[in-house]
Amino acid sequence: MPTTPTLTPLAVAALALLAEGPTHPYEMYQTLVQRSEDRLVKVRPGSLYHTVDRLARQGLVRATGTEREGNRPERTTYEITDQGSQALGERVADIIGTPVNEYPEFPLGLGESHNLPVDTVIALLRRRVELIRADIGVLDHAIATVKGKNLPAKYWVDVRYLRAMAEADAATLDDLIDDLVSGAISWDEEKHA
């Protein structure tokens, strides 16, 4: 039986922000979006509030105060507890050290692409590569921004990783497109039982 509850990706992101210092969920949401971490975890303001509430019930965070600015609703500020810090460390270690098949859809589609005409597959792959390269541009801008702010690299190693993976993805798909265009991978072969 685990000593700490299993943390969702959003819970990990929330705890990590609170490890930087006390804050309220709305500010956490803004920070996640500003840092482009919404590319890593699915985050909406409502889901973040529910996650922080659950973390509080589990004793991983605690409320430290409530504030109100103007006509805005009250905002409760939270901080991470010692138990929360331990749970965060354990979960991050597990994520980094244990590969897990996350069942992405693209490999499934690629594996079944033989059900489409080859020209359609080539066009779709070219479009995908264009979108990946555009995404690489966004990541390059993010890297330049954090470098310009002198943000320590330990806070954005995920962006470097995402960029490298996107570059490898685009290069692999470019090679596949070349093989399809040249006929090195034939689309006309008979199906085998």
N, C-alpha and C. Protein backbone atom coordinates (compact mmCIF):
# COMPACT_ATOMS: atom_id res chain seq x y z
N MET A 1 0.85 -1.19 0.00
CA MET A 1 0.00 0.00 0.00
C MET A 1 0.89 1.24 0.00
N PRO A 2 0.69 2.17 -0.97
CA PRO A 2 1.55 3.34 -1.04
C PRO A 2 1.40 4.23 0.19
N THR A 3 2.51 4.85 0.58
CA THR A 3 2.49 5.74 1.74
C THR A 3 1.88 7.09 1.39
N THR A 4 1.94 7.46 0.13
CA THR A 4 1.37 8.73 -0.31
C THR A 4 0.42 8.47 -1.47
N PRO A 5 -0.57 9.35 -1.65
CA PRO A 5 -1.51 9.16 -2.76
C PRO A 5 -0.81 9.33 -4.10
N THR A 6 -1.34 8.65 -5.13
CA THR A 6 -0.82 8.83 -6.48
C THR A 6 -1.19 10.23 -6.95
N LEU A 7 -0.23 10.91 -7.49
CA LEU A 7 -0.44 12.29 -7.93
C LEU A 7 -0.66 12.34 -9.43
N THR A 8 -1.71 13.03 -9.85
CA THR A 8 -1.95 13.26 -11.27
C THR A 8 -0.90 14.24 -11.78
N PRO A 9 -0.73 14.32 -13.11
CA PRO A 9 0.20 15.32 -13.64
C PRO A 9 -0.13 16.75 -13.17
N LEU A 10 -1.42 17.09 -13.11
CA LEU A 10 -1.79 18.43 -12.66
C LEU A 10 -1.44 18.63 -11.18
N ALA A 11 -1.60 17.59 -10.37
CA ALA A 11 -1.23 17.68 -8.96
C ALA A 11 0.28 17.88 -8.81
N VAL A 12 1.06 17.20 -9.65
CA VAL A 12 2.52 17.39 -9.62
C VAL A 12 2.86 18.83 -9.96
N ALA A 13 2.23 19.36 -11.01
CA ALA A 13 2.50 20.74 -11.41
C ALA A 13 2.11 21.72 -10.30
N ALA A 14 0.97 21.49 -9.66
CA ALA A 14 0.52 22.37 -8.57
C ALA A 14 1.49 22.32 -7.39
N LEU A 15 1.86 21.12 -6.99
CA LEU A 15 2.81 20.99 -5.87
C LEU A 15 4.15 21.64 -6.21
N ALA A 16 4.59 21.47 -7.44
CA ALA A 16 5.87 22.06 -7.84
C ALA A 16 5.82 23.59 -7.75
N LEU A 17 4.69 24.17 -8.14
CA LEU A 17 4.56 25.63 -8.03
C LEU A 17 4.56 26.05 -6.55
N LEU A 18 3.87 25.29 -5.73
CA LEU A 18 3.83 25.63 -4.31
C LEU A 18 5.18 25.39 -3.64
N ALA A 19 5.99 24.51 -4.19
CA ALA A 19 7.35 24.32 -3.66
C ALA A 19 8.19 25.58 -3.89
N GLU A 20 7.81 26.38 -4.89
CA GLU A 20 8.51 27.65 -5.15
C GLU A 20 8.08 28.73 -4.16
N GLY A 21 6.89 28.58 -3.58
CA GLY A 21 6.40 29.55 -2.61
C GLY A 21 4.88 29.55 -2.57
N PRO A 22 4.31 30.06 -1.49
CA PRO A 22 2.85 30.10 -1.35
C PRO A 22 2.20 30.94 -2.45
N THR A 23 1.05 30.48 -2.89
CA THR A 23 0.31 31.19 -3.93
C THR A 23 -1.13 30.69 -3.93
N HIS A 24 -1.97 31.31 -4.75
CA HIS A 24 -3.36 30.88 -4.86
C HIS A 24 -3.57 30.23 -6.22
N PRO A 25 -4.60 29.38 -6.35
CA PRO A 25 -4.81 28.62 -7.58
C PRO A 25 -4.89 29.46 -8.85
N TYR A 26 -5.51 30.63 -8.79
CA TYR A 26 -5.60 31.44 -10.01
C TYR A 26 -4.22 31.88 -10.48
N GLU A 27 -3.38 32.29 -9.54
CA GLU A 27 -2.01 32.68 -9.89
C GLU A 27 -1.22 31.47 -10.39
N MET A 28 -1.50 30.29 -9.82
CA MET A 28 -0.86 29.07 -10.28
C MET A 28 -1.23 28.82 -11.74
N TYR A 29 -2.49 28.97 -12.06
CA TYR A 29 -2.96 28.76 -13.43
C TYR A 29 -2.24 29.72 -14.39
N GLN A 30 -2.19 30.99 -14.02
CA GLN A 30 -1.52 31.99 -14.86
C GLN A 30 -0.05 31.64 -15.06
N THR A 31 0.61 31.19 -14.00
CA THR A 31 2.03 30.83 -14.10
C THR A 31 2.22 29.63 -15.02
N LEU A 32 1.36 28.62 -14.89
CA LEU A 32 1.47 27.44 -15.76
C LEU A 32 1.33 27.83 -17.22
N VAL A 33 0.37 28.69 -17.52
CA VAL A 33 0.16 29.12 -18.90
C VAL A 33 1.33 29.98 -19.37
N GLN A 34 1.78 30.89 -18.52
CA GLN A 34 2.91 31.77 -18.88
C GLN A 34 4.16 30.95 -19.17
N ARG A 35 4.38 29.89 -18.43
CA ARG A 35 5.56 29.04 -18.62
C ARG A 35 5.33 27.96 -19.68
N SER A 36 4.20 28.00 -20.34
CA SER A 36 3.82 27.02 -21.36
C SER A 36 3.74 25.60 -20.81
N GLU A 37 3.53 25.47 -19.52
CA GLU A 37 3.41 24.14 -18.93
C GLU A 37 2.05 23.53 -19.24
N ASP A 38 1.14 24.34 -19.80
CA ASP A 38 -0.13 23.79 -20.24
C ASP A 38 0.08 22.88 -21.46
N ARG A 39 1.30 22.85 -21.99
CA ARG A 39 1.67 21.91 -23.05
C ARG A 39 2.03 20.55 -22.46
N LEU A 40 2.30 20.52 -21.16
CA LEU A 40 2.71 19.28 -20.49
C LEU A 40 1.57 18.64 -19.72
N VAL A 41 0.71 19.48 -19.16
CA VAL A 41 -0.42 18.97 -18.38
C VAL A 41 -1.69 19.68 -18.85
N LYS A 42 -2.77 18.93 -18.83
CA LYS A 42 -4.05 19.52 -19.20
C LYS A 42 -4.52 20.34 -18.01
N VAL A 43 -4.65 21.64 -18.20
CA VAL A 43 -5.00 22.52 -17.07
C VAL A 43 -6.09 23.50 -17.48
N ARG A 44 -7.07 23.60 -16.61
CA ARG A 44 -8.13 24.61 -16.71
C ARG A 44 -8.28 25.18 -15.30
N PRO A 45 -8.72 26.42 -15.19
CA PRO A 45 -8.84 26.99 -13.84
C PRO A 45 -9.67 26.11 -12.90
N GLY A 46 -10.81 25.61 -13.37
CA GLY A 46 -11.67 24.79 -12.51
C GLY A 46 -10.99 23.51 -12.07
N SER A 47 -10.30 22.84 -13.00
CA SER A 47 -9.63 21.59 -12.64
C SER A 47 -8.48 21.85 -11.67
N LEU A 48 -7.83 22.99 -11.79
CA LEU A 48 -6.75 23.33 -10.88
C LEU A 48 -7.30 23.58 -9.47
N TYR A 49 -8.41 24.29 -9.36
CA TYR A 49 -9.03 24.51 -8.05
C TYR A 49 -9.41 23.18 -7.39
N HIS A 50 -9.98 22.27 -8.17
CA HIS A 50 -10.36 20.96 -7.63
C HIS A 50 -9.12 20.18 -7.19
N THR A 51 -8.07 20.27 -7.97
CA THR A 51 -6.83 19.56 -7.63
C THR A 51 -6.24 20.10 -6.34
N VAL A 52 -6.19 21.41 -6.19
CA VAL A 52 -5.64 22.01 -4.97
C VAL A 52 -6.52 21.64 -3.77
N ASP A 53 -7.82 21.63 -3.95
CA ASP A 53 -8.73 21.23 -2.88
C ASP A 53 -8.46 19.78 -2.46
N ARG A 54 -8.29 18.90 -3.44
CA ARG A 54 -7.99 17.50 -3.14
C ARG A 54 -6.64 17.37 -2.41
N LEU A 55 -5.64 18.13 -2.86
CA LEU A 55 -4.33 18.10 -2.21
C LEU A 55 -4.44 18.57 -0.76
N ALA A 56 -5.30 19.56 -0.52
CA ALA A 56 -5.51 20.04 0.85
C ALA A 56 -6.16 18.96 1.71
N ARG A 57 -7.16 18.27 1.16
CA ARG A 57 -7.81 17.19 1.92
C ARG A 57 -6.83 16.05 2.22
N GLN A 58 -5.86 15.86 1.34
CA GLN A 58 -4.87 14.79 1.53
C GLN A 58 -3.72 15.23 2.45
N GLY A 59 -3.73 16.50 2.85
CA GLY A 59 -2.69 17.01 3.74
C GLY A 59 -1.38 17.35 3.03
N LEU A 60 -1.43 17.47 1.70
CA LEU A 60 -0.21 17.78 0.94
C LEU A 60 0.01 19.28 0.78
N VAL A 61 -1.05 20.06 0.93
CA VAL A 61 -0.97 21.53 0.95
C VAL A 61 -1.89 22.02 2.06
N ARG A 62 -1.67 23.25 2.48
CA ARG A 62 -2.56 23.84 3.49
C ARG A 62 -2.79 25.31 3.15
N ALA A 63 -3.97 25.78 3.50
CA ALA A 63 -4.32 27.18 3.29
C ALA A 63 -3.55 28.03 4.30
N THR A 64 -3.04 29.16 3.82
CA THR A 64 -2.30 30.06 4.71
C THR A 64 -2.99 31.40 4.88
N GLY A 65 -4.04 31.65 4.09
CA GLY A 65 -4.74 32.92 4.23
C GLY A 65 -5.65 33.16 3.05
N THR A 66 -6.48 34.17 3.20
CA THR A 66 -7.43 34.55 2.15
C THR A 66 -7.30 36.04 1.93
N GLU A 67 -7.35 36.43 0.66
CA GLU A 67 -7.26 37.85 0.33
C GLU A 67 -8.32 38.20 -0.69
N ARG A 68 -8.65 39.46 -0.76
CA ARG A 68 -9.61 39.94 -1.75
C ARG A 68 -9.05 41.22 -2.34
N GLU A 69 -9.12 41.31 -3.68
CA GLU A 69 -8.69 42.52 -4.38
C GLU A 69 -9.89 43.12 -5.09
N GLY A 70 -10.30 44.28 -4.67
CA GLY A 70 -11.42 44.97 -5.32
C GLY A 70 -12.69 44.14 -5.30
N ASN A 71 -13.33 44.04 -6.47
CA ASN A 71 -14.57 43.28 -6.59
C ASN A 71 -14.34 41.79 -6.87
N ARG A 72 -13.10 41.39 -6.94
CA ARG A 72 -12.79 40.00 -7.25
C ARG A 72 -13.16 39.10 -6.08
N PRO A 73 -13.42 37.81 -6.39
CA PRO A 73 -13.73 36.87 -5.30
C PRO A 73 -12.51 36.67 -4.38
N GLU A 74 -12.78 36.19 -3.19
CA GLU A 74 -11.69 35.89 -2.26
C GLU A 74 -10.79 34.83 -2.87
N ARG A 75 -9.50 34.96 -2.61
CA ARG A 75 -8.54 33.99 -3.10
C ARG A 75 -7.79 33.41 -1.91
N THR A 76 -7.82 32.10 -1.82
CA THR A 76 -7.13 31.42 -0.73
C THR A 76 -5.71 31.09 -1.20
N THR A 77 -4.75 31.46 -0.39
CA THR A 77 -3.35 31.16 -0.67
C THR A 77 -3.00 29.85 0.02
N TYR A 78 -2.23 29.01 -0.69
CA TYR A 78 -1.82 27.72 -0.18
C TYR A 78 -0.31 27.62 -0.14
N GLU A 79 0.17 26.72 0.72
CA GLU A 79 1.59 26.38 0.73
C GLU A 79 1.71 24.86 0.79
N ILE A 80 2.84 24.36 0.35
CA ILE A 80 3.07 22.93 0.36
C ILE A 80 3.46 22.50 1.77
N THR A 81 3.04 21.32 2.19
CA THR A 81 3.41 20.78 3.50
C THR A 81 4.63 19.88 3.34
N ASP A 82 5.20 19.45 4.46
CA ASP A 82 6.33 18.52 4.40
C ASP A 82 5.90 17.23 3.70
N GLN A 83 4.69 16.77 4.01
CA GLN A 83 4.17 15.57 3.36
C GLN A 83 4.01 15.81 1.85
N GLY A 84 3.60 17.00 1.47
CA GLY A 84 3.46 17.36 0.06
C GLY A 84 4.81 17.38 -0.65
N SER A 85 5.82 17.91 0.03
CA SER A 85 7.17 17.93 -0.56
C SER A 85 7.68 16.52 -0.77
N GLN A 86 7.42 15.66 0.19
CA GLN A 86 7.86 14.27 0.08
C GLN A 86 7.12 13.57 -1.07
N ALA A 87 5.80 13.77 -1.15
CA ALA A 87 5.01 13.16 -2.21
C ALA A 87 5.45 13.65 -3.59
N LEU A 88 5.73 14.96 -3.68
CA LEU A 88 6.21 15.53 -4.94
C LEU A 88 7.52 14.88 -5.35
N GLY A 89 8.46 14.81 -4.43
CA GLY A 89 9.76 14.21 -4.73
C GLY A 89 9.64 12.76 -5.17
N GLU A 90 8.81 12.00 -4.47
CA GLU A 90 8.62 10.58 -4.81
C GLU A 90 7.99 10.43 -6.19
N ARG A 91 7.00 11.25 -6.49
CA ARG A 91 6.31 11.12 -7.78
C ARG A 91 7.20 11.56 -8.93
N VAL A 92 7.94 12.65 -8.75
CA VAL A 92 8.86 13.10 -9.80
C VAL A 92 9.92 12.04 -10.05
N ALA A 93 10.45 11.45 -8.99
CA ALA A 93 11.46 10.39 -9.13
C ALA A 93 10.87 9.20 -9.90
N ASP A 94 9.63 8.85 -9.60
CA ASP A 94 8.98 7.75 -10.28
C ASP A 94 8.78 8.06 -11.76
N ILE A 95 8.35 9.27 -12.06
CA ILE A 95 8.12 9.67 -13.46
C ILE A 95 9.43 9.63 -14.24
N ILE A 96 10.49 10.17 -13.66
CA ILE A 96 11.76 10.23 -14.37
C ILE A 96 12.38 8.84 -14.53
N GLY A 97 12.30 8.03 -13.51
CA GLY A 97 13.01 6.76 -13.52
C GLY A 97 12.27 5.57 -14.08
N THR A 98 10.98 5.70 -14.34
CA THR A 98 10.19 4.54 -14.78
C THR A 98 9.48 4.85 -16.09
N PRO A 99 9.97 4.26 -17.21
CA PRO A 99 9.27 4.47 -18.48
C PRO A 99 7.88 3.84 -18.43
N VAL A 100 6.90 4.55 -18.97
CA VAL A 100 5.52 4.07 -19.00
C VAL A 100 4.99 4.28 -20.41
N ASN A 101 4.35 3.25 -20.97
CA ASN A 101 3.72 3.42 -22.28
C ASN A 101 2.46 4.25 -22.07
N GLU A 102 2.42 5.43 -22.66
CA GLU A 102 1.30 6.34 -22.47
C GLU A 102 0.25 6.21 -23.56
N TYR A 103 0.42 5.28 -24.47
CA TYR A 103 -0.54 4.98 -25.53
C TYR A 103 -0.95 6.21 -26.33
N PRO A 104 0.03 6.90 -26.93
CA PRO A 104 -0.34 8.03 -27.79
C PRO A 104 -1.05 7.53 -29.04
N GLU A 105 -1.91 8.34 -29.61
CA GLU A 105 -2.70 7.94 -30.76
C GLU A 105 -1.92 7.93 -32.06
N PHE A 106 -0.91 8.79 -32.19
CA PHE A 106 -0.23 8.89 -33.49
C PHE A 106 0.39 7.57 -33.95
N PRO A 107 1.11 6.83 -33.11
CA PRO A 107 1.64 5.56 -33.60
C PRO A 107 0.55 4.60 -34.08
N LEU A 108 -0.60 4.62 -33.46
CA LEU A 108 -1.72 3.80 -33.93
C LEU A 108 -2.13 4.22 -35.33
N GLY A 109 -2.32 5.52 -35.52
CA GLY A 109 -2.69 6.03 -36.85
C GLY A 109 -1.63 5.72 -37.88
N LEU A 110 -0.38 5.86 -37.52
CA LEU A 110 0.72 5.57 -38.43
C LEU A 110 0.73 4.09 -38.79
N GLY A 111 0.52 3.24 -37.80
CA GLY A 111 0.49 1.80 -38.04
C GLY A 111 -0.66 1.36 -38.93
N GLU A 112 -1.72 2.13 -38.94
CA GLU A 112 -2.88 1.81 -39.77
C GLU A 112 -2.98 2.68 -41.02
N SER A 113 -1.95 3.47 -41.29
CA SER A 113 -1.99 4.39 -42.43
C SER A 113 -2.07 3.66 -43.77
N HIS A 114 -1.70 2.37 -43.80
CA HIS A 114 -1.78 1.59 -45.04
C HIS A 114 -3.23 1.46 -45.53
N ASN A 115 -4.18 1.86 -44.70
CA ASN A 115 -5.59 1.84 -45.10
C ASN A 115 -5.99 3.08 -45.90
N LEU A 116 -5.07 3.99 -46.07
CA LEU A 116 -5.30 5.21 -46.85
C LEU A 116 -4.44 5.16 -48.12
N PRO A 117 -4.82 5.92 -49.14
CA PRO A 117 -3.95 6.02 -50.32
C PRO A 117 -2.61 6.66 -49.94
N VAL A 118 -1.55 6.21 -50.57
CA VAL A 118 -0.21 6.68 -50.24
C VAL A 118 -0.09 8.20 -50.40
N ASP A 119 -0.72 8.76 -51.43
CA ASP A 119 -0.64 10.22 -51.63
C ASP A 119 -1.29 10.97 -50.47
N THR A 120 -2.36 10.42 -49.94
CA THR A 120 -3.03 11.02 -48.78
C THR A 120 -2.11 10.95 -47.56
N VAL A 121 -1.48 9.81 -47.36
CA VAL A 121 -0.57 9.65 -46.21
C VAL A 121 0.59 10.64 -46.32
N ILE A 122 1.16 10.76 -47.50
CA ILE A 122 2.28 11.70 -47.70
C ILE A 122 1.82 13.12 -47.39
N ALA A 123 0.67 13.51 -47.90
CA ALA A 123 0.17 14.87 -47.66
C ALA A 123 -0.09 15.10 -46.17
N LEU A 124 -0.67 14.12 -45.50
CA LEU A 124 -0.94 14.26 -44.07
C LEU A 124 0.36 14.33 -43.26
N LEU A 125 1.33 13.52 -43.62
CA LEU A 125 2.62 13.56 -42.92
C LEU A 125 3.33 14.89 -43.14
N ARG A 126 3.26 15.41 -44.36
CA ARG A 126 3.88 16.72 -44.63
C ARG A 126 3.22 17.80 -43.79
N ARG A 127 1.89 17.75 -43.70
CA ARG A 127 1.18 18.73 -42.87
C ARG A 127 1.60 18.60 -41.41
N ARG A 128 1.70 17.35 -40.94
CA ARG A 128 2.12 17.12 -39.55
C ARG A 128 3.52 17.68 -39.30
N VAL A 129 4.43 17.46 -40.23
CA VAL A 129 5.80 17.97 -40.08
C VAL A 129 5.80 19.50 -40.04
N GLU A 130 4.98 20.12 -40.89
CA GLU A 130 4.88 21.59 -40.86
C GLU A 130 4.42 22.08 -39.49
N LEU A 131 3.42 21.40 -38.92
CA LEU A 131 2.91 21.79 -37.60
C LEU A 131 3.96 21.56 -36.51
N ILE A 132 4.70 20.47 -36.62
CA ILE A 132 5.76 20.20 -35.64
C ILE A 132 6.83 21.26 -35.74
N ARG A 133 7.22 21.62 -36.97
CA ARG A 133 8.26 22.66 -37.14
C ARG A 133 7.76 24.01 -36.60
N ALA A 134 6.48 24.31 -36.77
CA ALA A 134 5.92 25.54 -36.19
C ALA A 134 6.00 25.47 -34.67
N ASP A 135 5.72 24.31 -34.12
CA ASP A 135 5.81 24.12 -32.68
C ASP A 135 7.25 24.29 -32.20
N ILE A 136 8.20 23.81 -32.98
CA ILE A 136 9.61 23.99 -32.65
C ILE A 136 9.94 25.48 -32.58
N GLY A 137 9.36 26.26 -33.49
CA GLY A 137 9.55 27.71 -33.45
C GLY A 137 9.02 28.31 -32.16
N VAL A 138 7.86 27.84 -31.70
CA VAL A 138 7.30 28.31 -30.43
C VAL A 138 8.23 27.93 -29.27
N LEU A 139 8.74 26.71 -29.31
CA LEU A 139 9.66 26.27 -28.25
C LEU A 139 10.96 27.08 -28.28
N ASP A 140 11.46 27.37 -29.48
CA ASP A 140 12.67 28.19 -29.59
C ASP A 140 12.44 29.58 -29.00
N HIS A 141 11.25 30.13 -29.25
CA HIS A 141 10.92 31.44 -28.67
C HIS A 141 10.86 31.35 -27.14
N ALA A 142 10.28 30.27 -26.64
CA ALA A 142 10.21 30.08 -25.18
C ALA A 142 11.60 29.97 -24.59
N ILE A 143 12.48 29.24 -25.26
CA ILE A 143 13.85 29.10 -24.77
C ILE A 143 14.56 30.44 -24.77
N ALA A 144 14.39 31.21 -25.84
CA ALA A 144 15.02 32.54 -25.90
C ALA A 144 14.47 33.44 -24.80
N THR A 145 13.17 33.34 -24.52
CA THR A 145 12.55 34.16 -23.47
C THR A 145 13.13 33.83 -22.10
N VAL A 146 13.19 32.54 -21.76
CA VAL A 146 13.70 32.18 -20.43
C VAL A 146 15.19 32.47 -20.31
N LYS A 147 15.93 32.33 -21.40
CA LYS A 147 17.35 32.69 -21.37
C LYS A 147 17.49 34.19 -21.14
N GLY A 148 16.62 34.97 -21.81
CA GLY A 148 16.65 36.42 -21.66
C GLY A 148 16.32 36.87 -20.25
N LYS A 149 15.54 36.08 -19.54
CA LYS A 149 15.19 36.40 -18.15
C LYS A 149 16.19 35.81 -17.16
N ASN A 150 17.22 35.16 -17.68
CA ASN A 150 18.22 34.51 -16.84
C ASN A 150 17.61 33.51 -15.86
N LEU A 151 16.54 32.85 -16.30
CA LEU A 151 15.91 31.83 -15.48
C LEU A 151 16.83 30.61 -15.46
N PRO A 152 17.16 30.10 -14.29
CA PRO A 152 18.07 28.95 -14.23
C PRO A 152 17.54 27.80 -15.08
N ALA A 153 18.46 27.14 -15.77
CA ALA A 153 18.10 26.07 -16.72
C ALA A 153 17.33 24.94 -16.05
N LYS A 154 17.52 24.73 -14.76
CA LYS A 154 16.82 23.62 -14.09
C LYS A 154 15.31 23.80 -14.13
N TYR A 155 14.84 25.03 -14.34
CA TYR A 155 13.40 25.29 -14.38
C TYR A 155 12.80 25.09 -15.77
N TRP A 156 13.62 24.89 -16.79
CA TRP A 156 13.07 24.72 -18.13
C TRP A 156 13.71 23.58 -18.92
N VAL A 157 14.24 22.59 -18.21
CA VAL A 157 14.79 21.42 -18.91
C VAL A 157 13.69 20.70 -19.68
N ASP A 158 12.44 20.81 -19.23
CA ASP A 158 11.33 20.19 -19.95
C ASP A 158 11.17 20.79 -21.34
N VAL A 159 11.38 22.09 -21.47
CA VAL A 159 11.24 22.74 -22.78
C VAL A 159 12.35 22.25 -23.71
N ARG A 160 13.56 22.12 -23.20
CA ARG A 160 14.66 21.59 -24.00
C ARG A 160 14.33 20.17 -24.47
N TYR A 161 13.78 19.37 -23.58
CA TYR A 161 13.42 18.00 -23.92
C TYR A 161 12.33 17.98 -25.00
N LEU A 162 11.29 18.78 -24.81
CA LEU A 162 10.21 18.83 -25.80
C LEU A 162 10.71 19.26 -27.17
N ARG A 163 11.65 20.20 -27.19
CA ARG A 163 12.19 20.66 -28.46
C ARG A 163 12.97 19.54 -29.14
N ALA A 164 13.80 18.85 -28.37
CA ALA A 164 14.60 17.75 -28.94
C ALA A 164 13.70 16.64 -29.47
N MET A 165 12.64 16.32 -28.73
CA MET A 165 11.72 15.27 -29.17
C MET A 165 10.98 15.71 -30.43
N ALA A 166 10.57 16.96 -30.50
CA ALA A 166 9.89 17.47 -31.69
C ALA A 166 10.82 17.44 -32.90
N GLU A 167 12.07 17.81 -32.70
CA GLU A 167 13.05 17.79 -33.79
C GLU A 167 13.26 16.37 -34.29
N ALA A 168 13.39 15.42 -33.36
CA ALA A 168 13.56 14.02 -33.74
C ALA A 168 12.31 13.50 -34.45
N ASP A 169 11.14 13.88 -33.99
CA ASP A 169 9.89 13.47 -34.61
C ASP A 169 9.82 13.97 -36.04
N ALA A 170 10.12 15.25 -36.25
CA ALA A 170 10.08 15.83 -37.59
C ALA A 170 11.09 15.15 -38.51
N ALA A 171 12.29 14.91 -38.02
CA ALA A 171 13.33 14.27 -38.84
C ALA A 171 12.92 12.85 -39.23
N THR A 172 12.36 12.12 -38.29
CA THR A 172 11.92 10.75 -38.56
C THR A 172 10.80 10.74 -39.60
N LEU A 173 9.87 11.66 -39.47
CA LEU A 173 8.77 11.73 -40.43
C LEU A 173 9.25 12.20 -41.79
N ASP A 174 10.22 13.11 -41.83
CA ASP A 174 10.81 13.50 -43.11
C ASP A 174 11.41 12.29 -43.82
N ASP A 175 12.12 11.44 -43.06
CA ASP A 175 12.70 10.22 -43.64
C ASP A 175 11.61 9.29 -44.16
N LEU A 176 10.53 9.15 -43.40
CA LEU A 176 9.41 8.30 -43.82
C LEU A 176 8.78 8.84 -45.10
N ILE A 177 8.59 10.14 -45.16
CA ILE A 177 8.03 10.76 -46.37
C ILE A 177 8.93 10.48 -47.56
N ASP A 178 10.24 10.64 -47.38
CA ASP A 178 11.18 10.35 -48.47
C ASP A 178 11.05 8.90 -48.94
N ASP A 179 10.93 7.97 -47.99
CA ASP A 179 10.78 6.55 -48.34
C ASP A 179 9.47 6.29 -49.08
N LEU A 180 8.42 6.97 -48.71
CA LEU A 180 7.13 6.80 -49.39
C LEU A 180 7.18 7.40 -50.79
N VAL A 181 7.77 8.57 -50.91
CA VAL A 181 7.85 9.24 -52.21
C VAL A 181 8.73 8.45 -53.18
N SER A 182 9.85 7.94 -52.68
CA SER A 182 10.79 7.20 -53.54
C SER A 182 10.31 5.78 -53.86
N GLY A 183 9.34 5.29 -53.09
CA GLY A 183 8.88 3.92 -53.29
C GLY A 183 9.66 2.90 -52.48
N ALA A 184 10.61 3.37 -51.64
CA ALA A 184 11.36 2.45 -50.78
C ALA A 184 10.41 1.69 -49.86
N ILE A 185 9.32 2.33 -49.50
CA ILE A 185 8.22 1.65 -48.80
C ILE A 185 7.08 1.59 -49.80
N SER A 186 6.75 0.39 -50.22
CA SER A 186 5.72 0.20 -51.25
C SER A 186 4.34 0.14 -50.61
N TRP A 187 3.41 0.78 -51.26
CA TRP A 187 2.02 0.78 -50.80
C TRP A 187 1.19 -0.22 -51.61
N ASP A 188 1.82 -0.82 -52.61
CA ASP A 188 1.09 -1.68 -53.54
C ASP A 188 1.23 -3.16 -53.23
N GLU A 189 1.96 -3.50 -52.17
CA GLU A 189 2.15 -4.91 -51.83
C GLU A 189 0.84 -5.52 -51.39
N GLU A 190 0.70 -6.83 -51.63
CA GLU A 190 -0.48 -7.57 -51.20
C GLU A 190 -0.50 -7.68 -49.69
N LYS A 191 -1.70 -7.70 -49.14
CA LYS A 191 -1.86 -7.91 -47.70
C LYS A 191 -1.53 -9.36 -47.38
N HIS A 192 -0.93 -9.58 -46.24
CA HIS A 192 -0.63 -10.94 -45.78
C HIS A 192 -1.54 -11.31 -44.63
N ALA A 193 -1.98 -12.54 -44.63
CA ALA A 193 -2.88 -13.00 -43.56
C ALA A 193 -2.13 -13.28 -42.30
